[in-house]
Amino acid sequence: MPKYSAGLLMYRRSGADFAVLLVHPGGPFWVNKDLGAWSLPKGEYAPDEDALAVALREFAEETGARPIGAVETLGEVIQAGGKHVTAWAIEGDFDPASLVSNTFELEWPPRSGRMARFPEVDRAAWFSPAEAHKKILAGQRPFIDRLARLLAVGS
């Protein structure tokens, strides 16, 4: 059975250009990974949950900020592992220095018997579309392209 995730791709405009907010996953597995490791703030949901409500909740849990404003659908992608990710675009301005993420617990080091707590997201940053293409998980790249088309139509 496939897993489903929902998230928000926050963007901000600067003249004719725009930037997107991406987050880097926390925890020991991701600590030295950069290119192809970043994501839009998102989280899994059950089939009976409202995907947009989950996207808003997950953004708040992973960044510590509550997004406000109208959202535009960016549709769905299926990542290489089979996860279905649905996303919405929202215009906003988030200060990455204010990041406050929820945490998770993991046995670390493996088979040590010791549990350690890690942030779900360890940093956030604004990227141009070209930079974001390099940073984001490959399966989520279409969201950046869809946002670019959406903003071009709205100009």
C-alpha atoms as a PDB file:
ATOM      1  CA  MET A   1       0.000   0.000   0.000  1.00  0.00           C
ATOM      2  CA  PRO A   2       1.513   3.371  -0.989  1.00  0.00           C
ATOM      3  CA  LYS A   3       2.314   6.106   1.508  1.00  0.00           C
ATOM      4  CA  TYR A   4       0.922   9.609   1.093  1.00  0.00           C
ATOM      5  CA  SER A   5       2.508  12.905   2.087  1.00  0.00           C
ATOM      6  CA  ALA A   6       1.312  16.499   1.843  1.00  0.00           C
ATOM      7  CA  GLY A   7       3.323  19.691   1.977  1.00  0.00           C
ATOM      8  CA  LEU A   8       3.656  23.388   1.240  1.00  0.00           C
ATOM      9  CA  LEU A   9       6.150  25.011  -1.078  1.00  0.00           C
ATOM     10  CA  MET A  10       6.515  28.539   0.269  1.00  0.00           C
ATOM     11  CA  TYR A  11       7.801  31.129  -2.163  1.00  0.00           C
ATOM     12  CA  ARG A  12       8.640  34.804  -2.143  1.00  0.00           C
ATOM     13  CA  ARG A  13       8.956  37.148  -5.098  1.00  0.00           C
ATOM     14  CA  SER A  14      11.630  39.670  -5.911  1.00  0.00           C
ATOM     15  CA  GLY A  15      10.628  41.540  -9.049  1.00  0.00           C
ATOM     16  CA  ALA A  16      10.275  38.986 -11.840  1.00  0.00           C
ATOM     17  CA  ASP A  17      12.248  36.377  -9.862  1.00  0.00           C
ATOM     18  CA  PHE A  18      11.206  34.146  -6.997  1.00  0.00           C
ATOM     19  CA  ALA A  19      12.783  31.916  -4.367  1.00  0.00           C
ATOM     20  CA  VAL A  20      11.464  28.802  -2.621  1.00  0.00           C
ATOM     21  CA  LEU A  21      11.848  27.680   0.960  1.00  0.00           C
ATOM     22  CA  LEU A  22      13.263  24.192   1.421  1.00  0.00           C
ATOM     23  CA  VAL A  23      14.083  22.256   4.579  1.00  0.00           C
ATOM     24  CA  HIS A  24      16.913  19.820   5.288  1.00  0.00           C
ATOM     25  CA  PRO A  25      16.043  16.609   7.153  1.00  0.00           C
ATOM     26  CA  GLY A  26      17.525  16.200  10.595  1.00  0.00           C
ATOM     27  CA  GLY A  27      19.105  13.140  12.122  1.00  0.00           C
ATOM     28  CA  PRO A  28      22.369  11.303  11.682  1.00  0.00           C
ATOM     29  CA  PHE A  29      21.625   9.794   8.254  1.00  0.00           C
ATOM     30  CA  TRP A  30      21.247  13.207   6.597  1.00  0.00           C
ATOM     31  CA  VAL A  31      23.964  15.180   8.416  1.00  0.00           C
ATOM     32  CA  ASN A  32      26.495  15.085   5.541  1.00  0.00           C
ATOM     33  CA  LYS A  33      24.020  15.037   2.666  1.00  0.00           C
ATOM     34  CA  ASP A  34      23.184  18.206   0.751  1.00  0.00           C
ATOM     35  CA  LEU A  35      22.497  17.970  -2.983  1.00  0.00           C
ATOM     36  CA  GLY A  36      19.301  16.014  -3.571  1.00  0.00           C
ATOM     37  CA  ALA A  37      18.505  15.836   0.145  1.00  0.00           C
ATOM     38  CA  TRP A  38      16.328  18.923   0.770  1.00  0.00           C
ATOM     39  CA  SER A  39      12.534  18.881   0.648  1.00  0.00           C
ATOM     40  CA  LEU A  40       9.476  21.031   0.963  1.00  0.00           C
ATOM     41  CA  PRO A  41       8.059  20.851   4.504  1.00  0.00           C
ATOM     42  CA  LYS A  42       5.717  17.871   4.379  1.00  0.00           C
ATOM     43  CA  GLY A  43       4.438  14.879   6.274  1.00  0.00           C
ATOM     44  CA  GLU A  44       2.574  11.625   5.882  1.00  0.00           C
ATOM     45  CA  TYR A  45      -1.165  11.340   6.260  1.00  0.00           C
ATOM     46  CA  ALA A  46      -3.849   8.675   6.464  1.00  0.00           C
ATOM     47  CA  PRO A  47      -6.397   8.259   3.660  1.00  0.00           C
ATOM     48  CA  ASP A  48      -9.173   9.701   5.854  1.00  0.00           C
ATOM     49  CA  GLU A  49      -7.265  12.937   6.582  1.00  0.00           C
ATOM     50  CA  ASP A  50      -7.581  16.216   4.679  1.00  0.00           C
ATOM     51  CA  ALA A  51      -4.315  16.565   2.730  1.00  0.00           C
ATOM     52  CA  LEU A  52      -4.269  20.381   2.809  1.00  0.00           C
ATOM     53  CA  ALA A  53      -4.848  20.426   6.572  1.00  0.00           C
ATOM     54  CA  VAL A  54      -1.934  18.008   6.929  1.00  0.00           C
ATOM     55  CA  ALA A  55       0.286  20.208   4.729  1.00  0.00           C
ATOM     56  CA  LEU A  56      -0.465  23.251   6.904  1.00  0.00           C
ATOM     57  CA  ARG A  57       0.101  21.289  10.126  1.00  0.00           C
ATOM     58  CA  GLU A  58       3.372  19.777   8.911  1.00  0.00           C
ATOM     59  CA  PHE A  59       4.721  23.164   7.833  1.00  0.00           C
ATOM     60  CA  ALA A  60       4.056  24.457  11.346  1.00  0.00           C
ATOM     61  CA  GLU A  61       5.560  21.380  13.018  1.00  0.00           C
ATOM     62  CA  GLU A  62       8.717  21.416  10.892  1.00  0.00           C
ATOM     63  CA  THR A  63       9.380  25.171  10.898  1.00  0.00           C
ATOM     64  CA  GLY A  64       7.634  26.549  13.965  1.00  0.00           C
ATOM     65  CA  ALA A  65       5.684  29.021  11.771  1.00  0.00           C
ATOM     66  CA  ARG A  66       2.026  29.009  10.798  1.00  0.00           C
ATOM     67  CA  PRO A  67       1.607  29.899   7.128  1.00  0.00           C
ATOM     68  CA  ILE A  68      -1.148  32.379   6.325  1.00  0.00           C
ATOM     69  CA  GLY A  69      -2.585  33.098   2.916  1.00  0.00           C
ATOM     70  CA  ALA A  70      -4.153  31.600  -0.159  1.00  0.00           C
ATOM     71  CA  VAL A  71      -2.760  28.350  -1.503  1.00  0.00           C
ATOM     72  CA  GLU A  72      -2.523  27.133  -5.096  1.00  0.00           C
ATOM     73  CA  THR A  73      -2.384  23.454  -5.916  1.00  0.00           C
ATOM     74  CA  LEU A  74       0.815  22.070  -7.401  1.00  0.00           C
ATOM     75  CA  GLY A  75      -0.637  18.591  -7.826  1.00  0.00           C
ATOM     76  CA  GLU A  76       0.952  15.284  -6.985  1.00  0.00           C
ATOM     77  CA  VAL A  77       4.227  13.520  -7.737  1.00  0.00           C
ATOM     78  CA  ILE A  78       5.247   9.944  -7.072  1.00  0.00           C
ATOM     79  CA  GLN A  79       8.755   9.710  -5.657  1.00  0.00           C
ATOM     80  CA  ALA A  80      11.174   6.903  -6.578  1.00  0.00           C
ATOM     81  CA  GLY A  81      10.261   4.930  -3.441  1.00  0.00           C
ATOM     82  CA  GLY A  82       6.574   5.019  -4.405  1.00  0.00           C
ATOM     83  CA  LYS A  83       5.447   7.733  -1.971  1.00  0.00           C
ATOM     84  CA  HIS A  84       2.717  10.004  -3.331  1.00  0.00           C
ATOM     85  CA  VAL A  85       3.397  13.650  -2.447  1.00  0.00           C
ATOM     86  CA  THR A  86       0.746  16.338  -2.902  1.00  0.00           C
ATOM     87  CA  ALA A  87       1.790  19.971  -2.607  1.00  0.00           C
ATOM     88  CA  TRP A  88       0.424  23.490  -2.549  1.00  0.00           C
ATOM     89  CA  ALA A  89       2.203  26.772  -3.153  1.00  0.00           C
ATOM     90  CA  ILE A  90       1.859  29.615  -0.683  1.00  0.00           C
ATOM     91  CA  GLU A  91       3.455  33.033  -0.823  1.00  0.00           C
ATOM     92  CA  GLY A  92       5.181  34.057   2.381  1.00  0.00           C
ATOM     93  CA  ASP A  93       8.363  35.097   4.047  1.00  0.00           C
ATOM     94  CA  PHE A  94       9.984  32.866   6.631  1.00  0.00           C
ATOM     95  CA  ASP A  95      13.218  33.676   8.451  1.00  0.00           C
ATOM     96  CA  PRO A  96      15.325  30.470   8.435  1.00  0.00           C
ATOM     97  CA  ALA A  97      17.056  31.649  11.637  1.00  0.00           C
ATOM     98  CA  SER A  98      13.703  31.284  13.440  1.00  0.00           C
ATOM     99  CA  LEU A  99      13.388  27.558  12.603  1.00  0.00           C
ATOM    100  CA  VAL A 100      11.945  25.478  15.431  1.00  0.00           C
ATOM    101  CA  SER A 101      11.320  21.871  14.423  1.00  0.00           C
ATOM    102  CA  ASN A 102       9.597  19.017  16.177  1.00  0.00           C
ATOM    103  CA  THR A 103      11.847  16.087  17.105  1.00  0.00           C
ATOM    104  CA  PHE A 104      11.985  12.315  16.810  1.00  0.00           C
ATOM    105  CA  GLU A 105      13.737   9.624  18.798  1.00  0.00           C
ATOM    106  CA  LEU A 106      16.088   7.057  17.286  1.00  0.00           C
ATOM    107  CA  GLU A 107      18.468   4.430  18.631  1.00  0.00           C
ATOM    108  CA  TRP A 108      21.872   5.990  17.975  1.00  0.00           C
ATOM    109  CA  PRO A 109      24.420   4.678  17.334  1.00  0.00           C
ATOM    110  CA  PRO A 110      22.663   1.644  15.849  1.00  0.00           C
ATOM    111  CA  ARG A 111      22.410  -1.398  18.137  1.00  0.00           C
ATOM    112  CA  SER A 112      23.823   0.658  21.030  1.00  0.00           C
ATOM    113  CA  GLY A 113      20.685   0.530  23.125  1.00  0.00           C
ATOM    114  CA  ARG A 114      20.893   4.320  23.545  1.00  0.00           C
ATOM    115  CA  MET A 115      18.073   6.516  22.348  1.00  0.00           C
ATOM    116  CA  ALA A 116      18.841   9.982  21.007  1.00  0.00           C
ATOM    117  CA  ARG A 117      16.541  12.844  20.043  1.00  0.00           C
ATOM    118  CA  PHE A 118      16.972  14.661  16.717  1.00  0.00           C
ATOM    119  CA  PRO A 119      15.116  17.525  15.018  1.00  0.00           C
ATOM    120  CA  GLU A 120      12.921  16.403  12.140  1.00  0.00           C
ATOM    121  CA  VAL A 121      14.325  19.376  10.198  1.00  0.00           C
ATOM    122  CA  ASP A 122      17.761  20.756  11.053  1.00  0.00           C
ATOM    123  CA  ARG A 123      17.773  23.843   8.808  1.00  0.00           C
ATOM    124  CA  ALA A 124      15.800  25.808   6.257  1.00  0.00           C
ATOM    125  CA  ALA A 125      16.925  28.077   3.449  1.00  0.00           C
ATOM    126  CA  TRP A 126      15.670  30.102   0.506  1.00  0.00           C
ATOM    127  CA  PHE A 127      16.850  29.023  -2.945  1.00  0.00           C
ATOM    128  CA  SER A 128      16.443  30.308  -6.481  1.00  0.00           C
ATOM    129  CA  PRO A 129      14.656  27.813  -8.735  1.00  0.00           C
ATOM    130  CA  ALA A 130      17.998  26.744 -10.282  1.00  0.00           C
ATOM    131  CA  GLU A 131      19.595  26.200  -6.852  1.00  0.00           C
ATOM    132  CA  ALA A 132      16.478  24.439  -5.571  1.00  0.00           C
ATOM    133  CA  HIS A 133      16.623  21.991  -8.484  1.00  0.00           C
ATOM    134  CA  LYS A 134      20.042  20.862  -7.243  1.00  0.00           C
ATOM    135  CA  LYS A 135      19.111  20.756  -3.547  1.00  0.00           C
ATOM    136  CA  ILE A 136      15.650  19.147  -3.592  1.00  0.00           C
ATOM    137  CA  LEU A 137      14.904  15.438  -3.760  1.00  0.00           C
ATOM    138  CA  ALA A 138      14.671  14.502  -7.445  1.00  0.00           C
ATOM    139  CA  GLY A 139      11.079  13.329  -7.121  1.00  0.00           C
ATOM    140  CA  GLN A 140       9.974  16.764  -5.872  1.00  0.00           C
ATOM    141  CA  ARG A 141      11.614  18.828  -8.650  1.00  0.00           C
ATOM    142  CA  PRO A 142       8.373  19.005 -10.669  1.00  0.00           C
ATOM    143  CA  PHE A 143       6.851  21.165  -7.913  1.00  0.00           C
ATOM    144  CA  ILE A 144       9.418  23.906  -8.612  1.00  0.00           C
ATOM    145  CA  ASP A 145       8.676  23.775 -12.345  1.00  0.00           C
ATOM    146  CA  ARG A 146       4.922  23.859 -11.717  1.00  0.00           C
ATOM    147  CA  LEU A 147       5.331  26.864  -9.423  1.00  0.00           C
ATOM    148  CA  ALA A 148       7.404  28.667 -12.064  1.00  0.00           C
ATOM    149  CA  ARG A 149       4.642  28.106 -14.634  1.00  0.00           C
ATOM    150  CA  LEU A 150       1.979  29.204 -12.155  1.00  0.00           C
ATOM    151  CA  LEU A 151       3.834  32.422 -11.344  1.00  0.00           C
ATOM    152  CA  ALA A 152       4.505  33.139 -15.042  1.00  0.00           C
ATOM    153  CA  VAL A 153       0.788  32.853 -15.819  1.00  0.00           C
ATOM    154  CA  GLY A 154      -0.101  35.085 -12.871  1.00  0.00           C
ATOM    155  CA  SER A 155       2.327  37.839 -13.898  1.00  0.00           C
END
